[in-house]
Amino acid sequence: MTKFSFIGEVLAIAFYGFSFGGWIGMIFSENEGLPLAEIIVYNIHHSIVSGLAALILSISGRYDIRRYSSFCIVNLGAILFTLYERWILLPMSLLTWANLNHSLCGVHNDPFYEMF
């Protein structure tokens, strides 16, 4: 809602880069044994995260997603997501022993866990 700035553009790239994280959270979810209401809230939250920020930024016209589809900017979004996982989610996981984003241990439904 502010004027165009470098910080705003970096945040827009981060929002576009993080949007796939919501889809990953829905595909590789660990929700066995949870109540139905919590599963519904989890899926609604990840649906909003995966598309709402990018949609709002694109519709407003200030940060058009088509401008950010170059190879370098897509890689920057992935790098920002990786830094978010390592600098924010991993310390929170280690402090709380919550398996946020599977940072502490792998899960049986992750097809890449066995390979790595």
C-alpha atoms as a PDB file:
ATOM      1  CA  MET A   1       0.000   0.000   0.000  1.00  0.00           C
ATOM      2  CA  THR A   2       3.058   2.284  -0.056  1.00  0.00           C
ATOM      3  CA  LYS A   3       4.920   3.839  -2.951  1.00  0.00           C
ATOM      4  CA  PHE A   4       7.140   1.681  -5.133  1.00  0.00           C
ATOM      5  CA  SER A   5      10.476   0.979  -3.408  1.00  0.00           C
ATOM      6  CA  PHE A   6      13.372  -1.457  -3.513  1.00  0.00           C
ATOM      7  CA  ILE A   7      12.252  -3.094  -0.252  1.00  0.00           C
ATOM      8  CA  GLY A   8       8.729  -3.478  -1.620  1.00  0.00           C
ATOM      9  CA  GLU A   9      10.094  -5.101  -4.746  1.00  0.00           C
ATOM     10  CA  VAL A  10      12.193  -7.567  -2.737  1.00  0.00           C
ATOM     11  CA  LEU A  11       9.096  -8.423  -0.682  1.00  0.00           C
ATOM     12  CA  ALA A  12       7.091  -8.927  -3.880  1.00  0.00           C
ATOM     13  CA  ILE A  13       9.759 -11.307  -5.184  1.00  0.00           C
ATOM     14  CA  ALA A  14       9.661 -13.125  -1.843  1.00  0.00           C
ATOM     15  CA  PHE A  15       5.854 -13.437  -1.997  1.00  0.00           C
ATOM     16  CA  TYR A  16       6.042 -14.795  -5.525  1.00  0.00           C
ATOM     17  CA  GLY A  17       8.862 -17.145  -4.531  1.00  0.00           C
ATOM     18  CA  PHE A  18       7.118 -18.373  -1.373  1.00  0.00           C
ATOM     19  CA  SER A  19       3.831 -19.105  -3.106  1.00  0.00           C
ATOM     20  CA  PHE A  20       4.899 -22.613  -4.085  1.00  0.00           C
ATOM     21  CA  GLY A  21       5.495 -23.394  -0.412  1.00  0.00           C
ATOM     22  CA  GLY A  22       1.736 -23.453   0.192  1.00  0.00           C
ATOM     23  CA  TRP A  23       1.280 -26.063  -2.528  1.00  0.00           C
ATOM     24  CA  ILE A  24       4.131 -28.152  -1.145  1.00  0.00           C
ATOM     25  CA  GLY A  25       2.510 -27.983   2.299  1.00  0.00           C
ATOM     26  CA  MET A  26      -0.761 -29.328   0.914  1.00  0.00           C
ATOM     27  CA  ILE A  27       0.829 -32.075  -1.206  1.00  0.00           C
ATOM     28  CA  PHE A  28       3.188 -33.420   1.477  1.00  0.00           C
ATOM     29  CA  SER A  29       1.002 -32.739   4.503  1.00  0.00           C
ATOM     30  CA  GLU A  30       1.322 -34.690   7.726  1.00  0.00           C
ATOM     31  CA  ASN A  31      -2.179 -34.522   9.168  1.00  0.00           C
ATOM     32  CA  GLU A  32      -2.969 -38.058  10.298  1.00  0.00           C
ATOM     33  CA  GLY A  33      -4.783 -38.070  13.606  1.00  0.00           C
ATOM     34  CA  LEU A  34      -5.725 -34.394  13.519  1.00  0.00           C
ATOM     35  CA  PRO A  35      -9.350 -33.287  13.953  1.00  0.00           C
ATOM     36  CA  LEU A  36     -11.258 -32.481  10.760  1.00  0.00           C
ATOM     37  CA  ALA A  37     -11.580 -28.786  11.690  1.00  0.00           C
ATOM     38  CA  GLU A  38      -7.801 -28.434  12.010  1.00  0.00           C
ATOM     39  CA  ILE A  39      -7.256 -30.146   8.642  1.00  0.00           C
ATOM     40  CA  ILE A  40      -9.747 -27.765   7.005  1.00  0.00           C
ATOM     41  CA  VAL A  41      -8.070 -24.694   8.555  1.00  0.00           C
ATOM     42  CA  TYR A  42      -4.641 -26.020   7.500  1.00  0.00           C
ATOM     43  CA  ASN A  43      -5.744 -26.471   3.874  1.00  0.00           C
ATOM     44  CA  ILE A  44      -7.483 -23.081   3.740  1.00  0.00           C
ATOM     45  CA  HIS A  45      -4.381 -21.392   5.177  1.00  0.00           C
ATOM     46  CA  HIS A  46      -2.062 -23.056   2.648  1.00  0.00           C
ATOM     47  CA  SER A  47      -4.451 -22.262  -0.225  1.00  0.00           C
ATOM     48  CA  ILE A  48      -4.398 -18.582   0.743  1.00  0.00           C
ATOM     49  CA  VAL A  49      -0.613 -18.550   1.141  1.00  0.00           C
ATOM     50  CA  SER A  50      -0.079 -20.221  -2.227  1.00  0.00           C
ATOM     51  CA  GLY A  51      -2.031 -17.704  -4.247  1.00  0.00           C
ATOM     52  CA  LEU A  52      -3.550 -14.745  -2.454  1.00  0.00           C
ATOM     53  CA  ALA A  53      -0.416 -12.600  -2.009  1.00  0.00           C
ATOM     54  CA  ALA A  54       0.662 -13.090  -5.623  1.00  0.00           C
ATOM     55  CA  LEU A  55      -2.890 -12.429  -6.819  1.00  0.00           C
ATOM     56  CA  ILE A  56      -3.249  -9.196  -4.824  1.00  0.00           C
ATOM     57  CA  LEU A  57       0.137  -7.909  -5.961  1.00  0.00           C
ATOM     58  CA  SER A  58      -0.620  -8.743  -9.596  1.00  0.00           C
ATOM     59  CA  ILE A  59      -4.136  -7.278  -9.612  1.00  0.00           C
ATOM     60  CA  SER A  60      -2.959  -4.031  -8.020  1.00  0.00           C
ATOM     61  CA  GLY A  61      -0.700  -3.519 -11.033  1.00  0.00           C
ATOM     62  CA  ARG A  62       2.330  -2.282  -9.133  1.00  0.00           C
ATOM     63  CA  TYR A  63       4.138  -5.646  -9.155  1.00  0.00           C
ATOM     64  CA  ASP A  64       3.114  -7.515 -12.295  1.00  0.00           C
ATOM     65  CA  ILE A  65       4.050 -11.181 -12.042  1.00  0.00           C
ATOM     66  CA  ARG A  66       5.010 -11.235 -15.729  1.00  0.00           C
ATOM     67  CA  ARG A  67       7.892  -8.837 -14.981  1.00  0.00           C
ATOM     68  CA  TYR A  68       9.300 -11.315 -12.477  1.00  0.00           C
ATOM     69  CA  SER A  69       9.380 -14.409 -14.675  1.00  0.00           C
ATOM     70  CA  SER A  70      13.047 -14.183 -15.657  1.00  0.00           C
ATOM     71  CA  PHE A  71      15.468 -16.938 -14.688  1.00  0.00           C
ATOM     72  CA  CYS A  72      17.444 -14.784 -12.235  1.00  0.00           C
ATOM     73  CA  ILE A  73      14.399 -13.521 -10.354  1.00  0.00           C
ATOM     74  CA  VAL A  74      12.860 -16.996 -10.081  1.00  0.00           C
ATOM     75  CA  ASN A  75      16.144 -18.204  -8.579  1.00  0.00           C
ATOM     76  CA  LEU A  76      16.178 -15.237  -6.188  1.00  0.00           C
ATOM     77  CA  GLY A  77      12.717 -16.272  -4.965  1.00  0.00           C
ATOM     78  CA  ALA A  78      13.976 -19.803  -4.315  1.00  0.00           C
ATOM     79  CA  ILE A  79      17.019 -18.439  -2.480  1.00  0.00           C
ATOM     80  CA  LEU A  80      14.827 -16.201  -0.291  1.00  0.00           C
ATOM     81  CA  PHE A  81      12.591 -19.192   0.507  1.00  0.00           C
ATOM     82  CA  THR A  82      15.620 -21.292   1.471  1.00  0.00           C
ATOM     83  CA  LEU A  83      16.930 -18.513   3.732  1.00  0.00           C
ATOM     84  CA  TYR A  84      13.481 -18.267   5.360  1.00  0.00           C
ATOM     85  CA  GLU A  85      13.518 -22.009   6.012  1.00  0.00           C
ATOM     86  CA  ARG A  86      17.028 -22.002   7.488  1.00  0.00           C
ATOM     87  CA  TRP A  87      17.019 -18.720   9.418  1.00  0.00           C
ATOM     88  CA  ILE A  88      13.423 -18.699  10.695  1.00  0.00           C
ATOM     89  CA  LEU A  89      11.800 -22.136  10.538  1.00  0.00           C
ATOM     90  CA  LEU A  90      14.813 -24.228  11.603  1.00  0.00           C
ATOM     91  CA  PRO A  91      15.520 -22.264  14.833  1.00  0.00           C
ATOM     92  CA  MET A  92      11.794 -22.343  15.680  1.00  0.00           C
ATOM     93  CA  SER A  93      11.766 -26.097  15.087  1.00  0.00           C
ATOM     94  CA  LEU A  94      14.801 -26.667  17.272  1.00  0.00           C
ATOM     95  CA  LEU A  95      13.367 -24.564  20.102  1.00  0.00           C
ATOM     96  CA  THR A  96       9.881 -26.069  20.061  1.00  0.00           C
ATOM     97  CA  TRP A  97      10.588 -29.550  18.654  1.00  0.00           C
ATOM     98  CA  ALA A  98       7.777 -28.915  16.188  1.00  0.00           C
ATOM     99  CA  ASN A  99       8.584 -30.442  12.816  1.00  0.00           C
ATOM    100  CA  LEU A 100       8.003 -27.202  10.909  1.00  0.00           C
ATOM    101  CA  ASN A 101       8.500 -27.776   7.201  1.00  0.00           C
ATOM    102  CA  HIS A 102      10.116 -31.137   8.032  1.00  0.00           C
ATOM    103  CA  SER A 103      13.286 -29.331   9.158  1.00  0.00           C
ATOM    104  CA  LEU A 104      14.045 -31.758  11.979  1.00  0.00           C
ATOM    105  CA  CYS A 105      13.362 -35.089  10.306  1.00  0.00           C
ATOM    106  CA  GLY A 106      11.932 -36.484   7.111  1.00  0.00           C
ATOM    107  CA  VAL A 107       8.464 -37.943   6.681  1.00  0.00           C
ATOM    108  CA  HIS A 108       7.299 -41.123   4.988  1.00  0.00           C
ATOM    109  CA  ASN A 109       5.317 -39.356   2.263  1.00  0.00           C
ATOM    110  CA  ASP A 110       8.257 -37.226   1.043  1.00  0.00           C
ATOM    111  CA  PRO A 111       9.530 -38.943  -2.130  1.00  0.00           C
ATOM    112  CA  PHE A 112      12.945 -37.236  -1.947  1.00  0.00           C
ATOM    113  CA  TYR A 113      13.747 -38.066   1.699  1.00  0.00           C
ATOM    114  CA  GLU A 114      14.977 -41.565   0.949  1.00  0.00           C
ATOM    115  CA  MET A 115      17.187 -40.363  -1.933  1.00  0.00           C
ATOM    116  CA  PHE A 116      18.976 -37.723   0.156  1.00  0.00           C
END
